Protein backbone atom coordinates (compact mmCIF):
# COMPACT_ATOMS: atom_id res chain seq x y z
CA UNK A 1 0.00 0.00 0.00
CA UNK A 2 1.33 3.40 -1.04
CA UNK A 3 2.59 5.46 1.93
CA UNK A 4 0.90 8.63 0.63
CA UNK A 5 -2.45 6.86 0.42
CA UNK A 6 -2.10 5.35 3.89
CA UNK A 7 -1.19 8.77 5.30
CA UNK A 8 -4.27 10.33 3.63
CA UNK A 9 -6.50 7.45 4.67
CA UNK A 10 -5.72 5.83 8.04
CA UNK A 11 -9.40 4.75 7.92
CA UNK A 12 -8.38 2.12 5.37
CA UNK A 13 -7.45 0.00 8.38
CA UNK A 14 -11.15 -0.13 9.32
CA UNK A 15 -11.81 -2.28 6.23
CA UNK A 16 -11.52 -5.86 7.47
CA UNK A 17 -11.51 -7.53 4.05
CA UNK A 18 -7.85 -7.35 2.97
CA UNK A 19 -8.68 -7.58 -0.74
CA UNK A 20 -11.21 -4.75 -0.52
CA UNK A 21 -8.78 -2.64 1.54
CA UNK A 22 -6.09 -3.16 -1.09
CA UNK A 23 -8.42 -2.40 -4.03
CA UNK A 24 -9.62 0.76 -2.28
CA UNK A 25 -6.04 1.90 -1.72
CA UNK A 26 -5.10 0.97 -5.31
CA UNK A 27 -7.93 3.18 -6.60
CA UNK A 28 -6.44 6.15 -4.75
CA UNK A 29 -2.98 5.27 -6.06
CA UNK A 30 -4.29 5.31 -9.65
CA UNK A 31 -6.06 8.62 -9.06
CA UNK A 32 -2.93 10.24 -7.62
CA UNK A 33 -0.80 8.91 -10.51
CA UNK A 34 -3.16 10.47 -13.06
CA UNK A 35 -4.04 13.69 -11.28
CA UNK A 36 -2.28 17.05 -11.37
CA UNK A 37 -3.13 17.25 -7.66
CA UNK A 38 -0.82 16.04 -4.90
CA UNK A 39 -1.74 14.67 -1.47
CA UNK A 40 -0.73 18.06 -0.04
CA UNK A 41 -3.12 19.78 -2.45
CA UNK A 42 -5.99 17.69 -1.09
CA UNK A 43 -5.37 19.20 2.35
CA UNK A 44 -5.72 22.73 0.87
CA UNK A 45 -8.20 22.70 -2.02
CA UNK A 46 -11.92 23.23 -1.41
CA UNK A 47 -14.05 20.12 -1.29
CA UNK A 48 -16.45 21.61 -3.83
CA UNK A 49 -16.33 24.14 -6.62
CA UNK A 50 -20.10 24.69 -6.30
CA UNK A 51 -19.73 26.95 -3.24
CA UNK A 52 -17.85 30.20 -3.88
CA UNK A 53 -14.94 30.79 -1.49
CA UNK A 54 -15.42 27.43 0.23
CA UNK A 55 -12.82 27.11 3.00
CA UNK A 56 -13.50 23.48 3.96
CA UNK A 57 -10.78 21.34 2.44
CA UNK A 58 -11.27 18.27 0.31
CA UNK A 59 -9.77 15.97 2.95
CA UNK A 60 -11.66 17.52 5.89
CA UNK A 61 -14.93 16.91 4.06
CA UNK A 62 -13.94 13.43 2.86
CA UNK A 63 -12.78 12.19 6.23
CA UNK A 64 -15.92 13.57 7.88
CA UNK A 65 -18.09 11.70 5.35
CA UNK A 66 -16.20 8.46 6.08
CA UNK A 67 -16.59 8.86 9.84
CA UNK A 68 -20.28 9.81 9.60
CA UNK A 69 -20.98 6.93 7.21
CA UNK A 70 -19.33 4.38 9.46
CA UNK A 71 -21.09 5.71 12.56
CA UNK A 72 -24.47 5.78 10.81
CA UNK A 73 -24.05 2.22 9.51
CA UNK A 74 -23.13 0.98 12.99
CA UNK A 75 -26.23 2.62 14.48
CA UNK A 76 -28.46 1.32 11.70
CA UNK A 77 -27.17 -2.20 12.33
CA UNK A 78 -27.75 -1.76 16.06
CA UNK A 79 -31.33 -0.54 15.77
CA UNK A 80 -32.63 -2.00 12.51
CA UNK A 81 -31.13 -5.50 12.42
CA UNK A 82 -32.11 -8.04 11.31
CA UNK A 83 -34.57 -6.21 9.02
CA UNK A 84 -31.90 -3.97 7.53
CA UNK A 85 -28.16 -4.53 7.55
CA UNK A 86 -25.35 -2.33 6.26
CA UNK A 87 -22.09 -4.04 5.41
CA UNK A 88 -19.46 -1.94 7.18
CA UNK A 89 -16.61 -2.75 4.80
CA UNK A 90 -18.77 -1.72 1.85
CA UNK A 91 -19.84 1.54 3.53
CA UNK A 92 -16.30 2.47 4.57
CA UNK A 93 -14.75 1.65 1.18
CA UNK A 94 -17.57 3.46 -0.62
CA UNK A 95 -17.20 6.55 1.54
CA UNK A 96 -13.42 6.61 1.06
CA UNK A 97 -13.88 6.29 -2.71
CA UNK A 98 -16.98 8.45 -3.30
CA UNK A 99 -15.00 11.52 -4.40
CA UNK A 100 -11.83 9.87 -5.72
CA UNK A 101 -12.87 10.93 -9.24
CA UNK A 102 -12.45 14.57 -8.23
CA UNK A 103 -8.72 14.02 -8.60
CA UNK A 104 -9.41 13.79 -12.34
CA UNK A 105 -12.20 16.40 -12.32
CA UNK A 106 -10.08 19.15 -10.70
CA UNK A 107 -6.89 20.90 -11.79
CA UNK A 108 -4.87 23.99 -10.96
CA UNK A 109 -5.84 27.18 -12.77
CA UNK A 110 -3.38 29.74 -14.11
CA UNK A 111 -3.39 31.59 -10.78
CA UNK A 112 -3.12 28.42 -8.71
CA UNK A 113 -6.84 28.23 -7.94
CA UNK A 114 -8.75 24.97 -8.21
CA UNK A 115 -10.73 24.69 -11.45
CA UNK A 116 -12.45 22.04 -13.56
CA UNK A 117 -9.95 20.03 -15.56
CA UNK A 118 -10.50 19.24 -19.22
CA UNK A 119 -11.79 15.84 -18.10
CA UNK A 120 -14.02 17.52 -15.52
CA UNK A 121 -15.68 19.60 -18.21
CA UNK A 122 -17.05 16.39 -19.72
CA UNK A 123 -17.20 13.86 -16.88
CA UNK A 124 -18.22 14.40 -13.27
CA UNK A 125 -16.40 12.59 -10.51
CA UNK A 126 -18.91 9.75 -10.03
CA UNK A 127 -18.10 8.57 -13.57
CA UNK A 128 -14.33 8.92 -13.35
CA UNK A 129 -14.38 7.46 -9.84
CA UNK A 130 -16.21 4.33 -10.99
CA UNK A 131 -13.74 3.93 -13.86
CA UNK A 132 -10.75 4.13 -11.52
CA UNK A 133 -12.35 1.79 -8.98
CA UNK A 134 -13.26 -0.86 -11.54
CA UNK A 135 -9.75 -0.75 -12.96
CA UNK A 136 -8.39 -1.31 -9.44
CA UNK A 137 -10.64 -4.33 -8.87
CA UNK A 138 -13.19 -2.73 -6.52
CA UNK A 139 -16.36 -4.88 -6.40
CA UNK A 140 -19.56 -3.66 -8.00
CA UNK A 141 -21.29 -3.18 -4.63
CA UNK A 142 -18.72 -0.46 -3.81
CA UNK A 143 -18.56 1.01 -7.32
CA UNK A 144 -22.34 1.41 -6.98
CA UNK A 145 -21.80 3.74 -4.01
CA UNK A 146 -19.40 5.90 -6.03
CA UNK A 147 -21.88 6.05 -8.91
CA UNK A 148 -24.90 6.75 -6.69
CA UNK A 149 -23.50 9.10 -4.04
CA UNK A 150 -24.19 12.33 -5.97
CA UNK A 151 -27.17 13.60 -7.95
CA UNK A 152 -26.55 11.04 -10.68
CA UNK A 153 -27.63 8.41 -8.16
CA UNK A 154 -31.15 9.81 -8.08
CA UNK A 155 -31.76 7.83 -11.27
CA UNK A 156 -30.97 4.40 -9.77
CA UNK A 157 -32.14 2.23 -6.90
CA UNK A 158 -29.58 2.73 -4.12
CA UNK A 159 -28.38 -0.02 -1.81
CA UNK A 160 -28.65 0.66 1.95
CA UNK A 161 -24.89 1.31 1.99
CA UNK A 162 -25.22 3.80 -0.88
CA UNK A 163 -27.99 5.65 0.98
CA UNK A 164 -25.75 5.99 4.03
CA UNK A 165 -22.86 7.48 2.05
CA UNK A 166 -25.16 9.66 -0.06
CA UNK A 167 -26.79 11.21 3.00
CA UNK A 168 -23.52 11.66 4.89
CA UNK A 169 -22.12 13.43 1.83
CA UNK A 170 -25.14 15.67 1.29
CA UNK A 171 -25.65 16.57 4.94
CA UNK A 172 -22.11 17.97 4.91
CA UNK A 173 -22.52 19.72 1.54
CA UNK A 174 -26.01 21.19 1.33
CA UNK A 175 -25.66 23.53 4.35
CA UNK A 176 -22.79 25.20 2.48
CA UNK A 177 -24.61 25.31 -0.84
CA UNK A 178 -27.86 26.62 0.64
CA UNK A 179 -26.74 28.83 3.49
CA UNK A 180 -29.48 29.72 5.92
C-alpha atoms as a PDB file:
ATOM      1  CA  UNK A   1       0.000   0.000   0.000  1.00  0.00           C
ATOM      2  CA  UNK A   2       1.330   3.395  -1.045  1.00  0.00           C
ATOM      3  CA  UNK A   3       2.587   5.463   1.932  1.00  0.00           C
ATOM      4  CA  UNK A   4       0.895   8.633   0.626  1.00  0.00           C
ATOM      5  CA  UNK A   5      -2.447   6.857   0.424  1.00  0.00           C
ATOM      6  CA  UNK A   6      -2.099   5.349   3.889  1.00  0.00           C
ATOM      7  CA  UNK A   7      -1.191   8.765   5.301  1.00  0.00           C
ATOM      8  CA  UNK A   8      -4.266  10.325   3.629  1.00  0.00           C
ATOM      9  CA  UNK A   9      -6.504   7.453   4.673  1.00  0.00           C
ATOM     10  CA  UNK A  10      -5.719   5.833   8.043  1.00  0.00           C
ATOM     11  CA  UNK A  11      -9.396   4.755   7.924  1.00  0.00           C
ATOM     12  CA  UNK A  12      -8.383   2.115   5.372  1.00  0.00           C
ATOM     13  CA  UNK A  13      -7.450  -0.002   8.385  1.00  0.00           C
ATOM     14  CA  UNK A  14     -11.150  -0.127   9.320  1.00  0.00           C
ATOM     15  CA  UNK A  15     -11.809  -2.277   6.234  1.00  0.00           C
ATOM     16  CA  UNK A  16     -11.525  -5.860   7.474  1.00  0.00           C
ATOM     17  CA  UNK A  17     -11.510  -7.531   4.047  1.00  0.00           C
ATOM     18  CA  UNK A  18      -7.851  -7.349   2.972  1.00  0.00           C
ATOM     19  CA  UNK A  19      -8.684  -7.584  -0.740  1.00  0.00           C
ATOM     20  CA  UNK A  20     -11.210  -4.746  -0.515  1.00  0.00           C
ATOM     21  CA  UNK A  21      -8.781  -2.643   1.541  1.00  0.00           C
ATOM     22  CA  UNK A  22      -6.092  -3.163  -1.091  1.00  0.00           C
ATOM     23  CA  UNK A  23      -8.417  -2.405  -4.033  1.00  0.00           C
ATOM     24  CA  UNK A  24      -9.618   0.762  -2.277  1.00  0.00           C
ATOM     25  CA  UNK A  25      -6.040   1.897  -1.724  1.00  0.00           C
ATOM     26  CA  UNK A  26      -5.103   0.973  -5.313  1.00  0.00           C
ATOM     27  CA  UNK A  27      -7.932   3.180  -6.603  1.00  0.00           C
ATOM     28  CA  UNK A  28      -6.436   6.146  -4.748  1.00  0.00           C
ATOM     29  CA  UNK A  29      -2.979   5.266  -6.062  1.00  0.00           C
ATOM     30  CA  UNK A  30      -4.287   5.307  -9.645  1.00  0.00           C
ATOM     31  CA  UNK A  31      -6.056   8.616  -9.063  1.00  0.00           C
ATOM     32  CA  UNK A  32      -2.927  10.244  -7.624  1.00  0.00           C
ATOM     33  CA  UNK A  33      -0.803   8.908 -10.505  1.00  0.00           C
ATOM     34  CA  UNK A  34      -3.163  10.472 -13.064  1.00  0.00           C
ATOM     35  CA  UNK A  35      -4.042  13.688 -11.277  1.00  0.00           C
ATOM     36  CA  UNK A  36      -2.285  17.050 -11.370  1.00  0.00           C
ATOM     37  CA  UNK A  37      -3.129  17.248  -7.655  1.00  0.00           C
ATOM     38  CA  UNK A  38      -0.820  16.036  -4.905  1.00  0.00           C
ATOM     39  CA  UNK A  39      -1.741  14.671  -1.465  1.00  0.00           C
ATOM     40  CA  UNK A  40      -0.731  18.063  -0.039  1.00  0.00           C
ATOM     41  CA  UNK A  41      -3.124  19.785  -2.455  1.00  0.00           C
ATOM     42  CA  UNK A  42      -5.986  17.693  -1.087  1.00  0.00           C
ATOM     43  CA  UNK A  43      -5.368  19.202   2.349  1.00  0.00           C
ATOM     44  CA  UNK A  44      -5.718  22.727   0.866  1.00  0.00           C
ATOM     45  CA  UNK A  45      -8.200  22.703  -2.022  1.00  0.00           C
ATOM     46  CA  UNK A  46     -11.920  23.230  -1.415  1.00  0.00           C
ATOM     47  CA  UNK A  47     -14.050  20.119  -1.287  1.00  0.00           C
ATOM     48  CA  UNK A  48     -16.447  21.613  -3.830  1.00  0.00           C
ATOM     49  CA  UNK A  49     -16.329  24.140  -6.623  1.00  0.00           C
ATOM     50  CA  UNK A  50     -20.098  24.687  -6.304  1.00  0.00           C
ATOM     51  CA  UNK A  51     -19.730  26.945  -3.237  1.00  0.00           C
ATOM     52  CA  UNK A  52     -17.852  30.200  -3.875  1.00  0.00           C
ATOM     53  CA  UNK A  53     -14.939  30.787  -1.493  1.00  0.00           C
ATOM     54  CA  UNK A  54     -15.415  27.427   0.226  1.00  0.00           C
ATOM     55  CA  UNK A  55     -12.817  27.112   2.997  1.00  0.00           C
ATOM     56  CA  UNK A  56     -13.503  23.480   3.959  1.00  0.00           C
ATOM     57  CA  UNK A  57     -10.782  21.343   2.441  1.00  0.00           C
ATOM     58  CA  UNK A  58     -11.274  18.269   0.314  1.00  0.00           C
ATOM     59  CA  UNK A  59      -9.770  15.968   2.948  1.00  0.00           C
ATOM     60  CA  UNK A  60     -11.663  17.520   5.885  1.00  0.00           C
ATOM     61  CA  UNK A  61     -14.932  16.908   4.058  1.00  0.00           C
ATOM     62  CA  UNK A  62     -13.941  13.434   2.857  1.00  0.00           C
ATOM     63  CA  UNK A  63     -12.776  12.193   6.231  1.00  0.00           C
ATOM     64  CA  UNK A  64     -15.923  13.571   7.876  1.00  0.00           C
ATOM     65  CA  UNK A  65     -18.086  11.700   5.349  1.00  0.00           C
ATOM     66  CA  UNK A  66     -16.195   8.465   6.079  1.00  0.00           C
ATOM     67  CA  UNK A  67     -16.595   8.864   9.837  1.00  0.00           C
ATOM     68  CA  UNK A  68     -20.282   9.815   9.596  1.00  0.00           C
ATOM     69  CA  UNK A  69     -20.979   6.934   7.212  1.00  0.00           C
ATOM     70  CA  UNK A  70     -19.331   4.381   9.465  1.00  0.00           C
ATOM     71  CA  UNK A  71     -21.088   5.714  12.564  1.00  0.00           C
ATOM     72  CA  UNK A  72     -24.475   5.782  10.808  1.00  0.00           C
ATOM     73  CA  UNK A  73     -24.053   2.220   9.510  1.00  0.00           C
ATOM     74  CA  UNK A  74     -23.126   0.979  12.989  1.00  0.00           C
ATOM     75  CA  UNK A  75     -26.227   2.619  14.477  1.00  0.00           C
ATOM     76  CA  UNK A  76     -28.461   1.318  11.704  1.00  0.00           C
ATOM     77  CA  UNK A  77     -27.175  -2.203  12.326  1.00  0.00           C
ATOM     78  CA  UNK A  78     -27.746  -1.758  16.059  1.00  0.00           C
ATOM     79  CA  UNK A  79     -31.333  -0.541  15.770  1.00  0.00           C
ATOM     80  CA  UNK A  80     -32.632  -2.002  12.507  1.00  0.00           C
ATOM     81  CA  UNK A  81     -31.128  -5.496  12.417  1.00  0.00           C
ATOM     82  CA  UNK A  82     -32.112  -8.041  11.312  1.00  0.00           C
ATOM     83  CA  UNK A  83     -34.566  -6.213   9.024  1.00  0.00           C
ATOM     84  CA  UNK A  84     -31.898  -3.971   7.526  1.00  0.00           C
ATOM     85  CA  UNK A  85     -28.156  -4.528   7.549  1.00  0.00           C
ATOM     86  CA  UNK A  86     -25.347  -2.334   6.262  1.00  0.00           C
ATOM     87  CA  UNK A  87     -22.089  -4.041   5.409  1.00  0.00           C
ATOM     88  CA  UNK A  88     -19.458  -1.938   7.182  1.00  0.00           C
ATOM     89  CA  UNK A  89     -16.611  -2.748   4.804  1.00  0.00           C
ATOM     90  CA  UNK A  90     -18.774  -1.722   1.851  1.00  0.00           C
ATOM     91  CA  UNK A  91     -19.835   1.536   3.533  1.00  0.00           C
ATOM     92  CA  UNK A  92     -16.300   2.468   4.566  1.00  0.00           C
ATOM     93  CA  UNK A  93     -14.745   1.650   1.184  1.00  0.00           C
ATOM     94  CA  UNK A  94     -17.571   3.456  -0.622  1.00  0.00           C
ATOM     95  CA  UNK A  95     -17.203   6.547   1.539  1.00  0.00           C
ATOM     96  CA  UNK A  96     -13.422   6.615   1.056  1.00  0.00           C
ATOM     97  CA  UNK A  97     -13.884   6.290  -2.713  1.00  0.00           C
ATOM     98  CA  UNK A  98     -16.976   8.449  -3.298  1.00  0.00           C
ATOM     99  CA  UNK A  99     -15.000  11.523  -4.400  1.00  0.00           C
ATOM    100  CA  UNK A 100     -11.827   9.867  -5.724  1.00  0.00           C
ATOM    101  CA  UNK A 101     -12.866  10.926  -9.239  1.00  0.00           C
ATOM    102  CA  UNK A 102     -12.454  14.574  -8.232  1.00  0.00           C
ATOM    103  CA  UNK A 103      -8.715  14.016  -8.605  1.00  0.00           C
ATOM    104  CA  UNK A 104      -9.411  13.786 -12.338  1.00  0.00           C
ATOM    105  CA  UNK A 105     -12.195  16.395 -12.320  1.00  0.00           C
ATOM    106  CA  UNK A 106     -10.079  19.147 -10.701  1.00  0.00           C
ATOM    107  CA  UNK A 107      -6.887  20.896 -11.789  1.00  0.00           C
ATOM    108  CA  UNK A 108      -4.874  23.993 -10.956  1.00  0.00           C
ATOM    109  CA  UNK A 109      -5.836  27.184 -12.771  1.00  0.00           C
ATOM    110  CA  UNK A 110      -3.385  29.741 -14.108  1.00  0.00           C
ATOM    111  CA  UNK A 111      -3.389  31.591 -10.777  1.00  0.00           C
ATOM    112  CA  UNK A 112      -3.124  28.417  -8.707  1.00  0.00           C
ATOM    113  CA  UNK A 113      -6.839  28.235  -7.939  1.00  0.00           C
ATOM    114  CA  UNK A 114      -8.752  24.974  -8.210  1.00  0.00           C
ATOM    115  CA  UNK A 115     -10.726  24.687 -11.450  1.00  0.00           C
ATOM    116  CA  UNK A 116     -12.450  22.044 -13.557  1.00  0.00           C
ATOM    117  CA  UNK A 117      -9.951  20.030 -15.564  1.00  0.00           C
ATOM    118  CA  UNK A 118     -10.496  19.242 -19.222  1.00  0.00           C
ATOM    119  CA  UNK A 119     -11.791  15.840 -18.103  1.00  0.00           C
ATOM    120  CA  UNK A 120     -14.020  17.518 -15.523  1.00  0.00           C
ATOM    121  CA  UNK A 121     -15.681  19.603 -18.210  1.00  0.00           C
ATOM    122  CA  UNK A 122     -17.055  16.387 -19.719  1.00  0.00           C
ATOM    123  CA  UNK A 123     -17.199  13.858 -16.877  1.00  0.00           C
ATOM    124  CA  UNK A 124     -18.216  14.396 -13.272  1.00  0.00           C
ATOM    125  CA  UNK A 125     -16.397  12.591 -10.507  1.00  0.00           C
ATOM    126  CA  UNK A 126     -18.914   9.747 -10.030  1.00  0.00           C
ATOM    127  CA  UNK A 127     -18.099   8.570 -13.567  1.00  0.00           C
ATOM    128  CA  UNK A 128     -14.334   8.918 -13.351  1.00  0.00           C
ATOM    129  CA  UNK A 129     -14.376   7.456  -9.845  1.00  0.00           C
ATOM    130  CA  UNK A 130     -16.206   4.331 -10.987  1.00  0.00           C
ATOM    131  CA  UNK A 131     -13.738   3.934 -13.862  1.00  0.00           C
ATOM    132  CA  UNK A 132     -10.753   4.131 -11.522  1.00  0.00           C
ATOM    133  CA  UNK A 133     -12.354   1.790  -8.984  1.00  0.00           C
ATOM    134  CA  UNK A 134     -13.264  -0.860 -11.538  1.00  0.00           C
ATOM    135  CA  UNK A 135      -9.750  -0.746 -12.961  1.00  0.00           C
ATOM    136  CA  UNK A 136      -8.394  -1.307  -9.440  1.00  0.00           C
ATOM    137  CA  UNK A 137     -10.644  -4.327  -8.868  1.00  0.00           C
ATOM    138  CA  UNK A 138     -13.186  -2.732  -6.525  1.00  0.00           C
ATOM    139  CA  UNK A 139     -16.355  -4.877  -6.401  1.00  0.00           C
ATOM    140  CA  UNK A 140     -19.562  -3.660  -8.005  1.00  0.00           C
ATOM    141  CA  UNK A 141     -21.291  -3.176  -4.630  1.00  0.00           C
ATOM    142  CA  UNK A 142     -18.720  -0.460  -3.808  1.00  0.00           C
ATOM    143  CA  UNK A 143     -18.564   1.007  -7.324  1.00  0.00           C
ATOM    144  CA  UNK A 144     -22.342   1.407  -6.985  1.00  0.00           C
ATOM    145  CA  UNK A 145     -21.800   3.742  -4.012  1.00  0.00           C
ATOM    146  CA  UNK A 146     -19.398   5.896  -6.028  1.00  0.00           C
ATOM    147  CA  UNK A 147     -21.879   6.051  -8.907  1.00  0.00           C
ATOM    148  CA  UNK A 148     -24.897   6.746  -6.688  1.00  0.00           C
ATOM    149  CA  UNK A 149     -23.505   9.100  -4.040  1.00  0.00           C
ATOM    150  CA  UNK A 150     -24.191  12.331  -5.972  1.00  0.00           C
ATOM    151  CA  UNK A 151     -27.169  13.598  -7.949  1.00  0.00           C
ATOM    152  CA  UNK A 152     -26.548  11.036 -10.684  1.00  0.00           C
ATOM    153  CA  UNK A 153     -27.628   8.412  -8.159  1.00  0.00           C
ATOM    154  CA  UNK A 154     -31.150   9.813  -8.077  1.00  0.00           C
ATOM    155  CA  UNK A 155     -31.760   7.829 -11.266  1.00  0.00           C
ATOM    156  CA  UNK A 156     -30.966   4.403  -9.768  1.00  0.00           C
ATOM    157  CA  UNK A 157     -32.137   2.230  -6.903  1.00  0.00           C
ATOM    158  CA  UNK A 158     -29.577   2.726  -4.119  1.00  0.00           C
ATOM    159  CA  UNK A 159     -28.380  -0.023  -1.806  1.00  0.00           C
ATOM    160  CA  UNK A 160     -28.648   0.660   1.951  1.00  0.00           C
ATOM    161  CA  UNK A 161     -24.892   1.310   1.990  1.00  0.00           C
ATOM    162  CA  UNK A 162     -25.224   3.796  -0.877  1.00  0.00           C
ATOM    163  CA  UNK A 163     -27.994   5.650   0.979  1.00  0.00           C
ATOM    164  CA  UNK A 164     -25.754   5.991   4.026  1.00  0.00           C
ATOM    165  CA  UNK A 165     -22.858   7.482   2.049  1.00  0.00           C
ATOM    166  CA  UNK A 166     -25.162   9.661  -0.062  1.00  0.00           C
ATOM    167  CA  UNK A 167     -26.789  11.210   2.999  1.00  0.00           C
ATOM    168  CA  UNK A 168     -23.517  11.658   4.889  1.00  0.00           C
ATOM    169  CA  UNK A 169     -22.121  13.429   1.833  1.00  0.00           C
ATOM    170  CA  UNK A 170     -25.135  15.668   1.291  1.00  0.00           C
ATOM    171  CA  UNK A 171     -25.646  16.573   4.945  1.00  0.00           C
ATOM    172  CA  UNK A 172     -22.110  17.972   4.913  1.00  0.00           C
ATOM    173  CA  UNK A 173     -22.518  19.722   1.536  1.00  0.00           C
ATOM    174  CA  UNK A 174     -26.012  21.192   1.333  1.00  0.00           C
ATOM    175  CA  UNK A 175     -25.661  23.530   4.351  1.00  0.00           C
ATOM    176  CA  UNK A 176     -22.789  25.201   2.483  1.00  0.00           C
ATOM    177  CA  UNK A 177     -24.611  25.309  -0.838  1.00  0.00           C
ATOM    178  CA  UNK A 178     -27.856  26.621   0.640  1.00  0.00           C
ATOM    179  CA  UNK A 179     -26.741  28.832   3.494  1.00  0.00           C
ATOM    180  CA  UNK A 180     -29.478  29.716   5.923  1.00  0.00           C
END
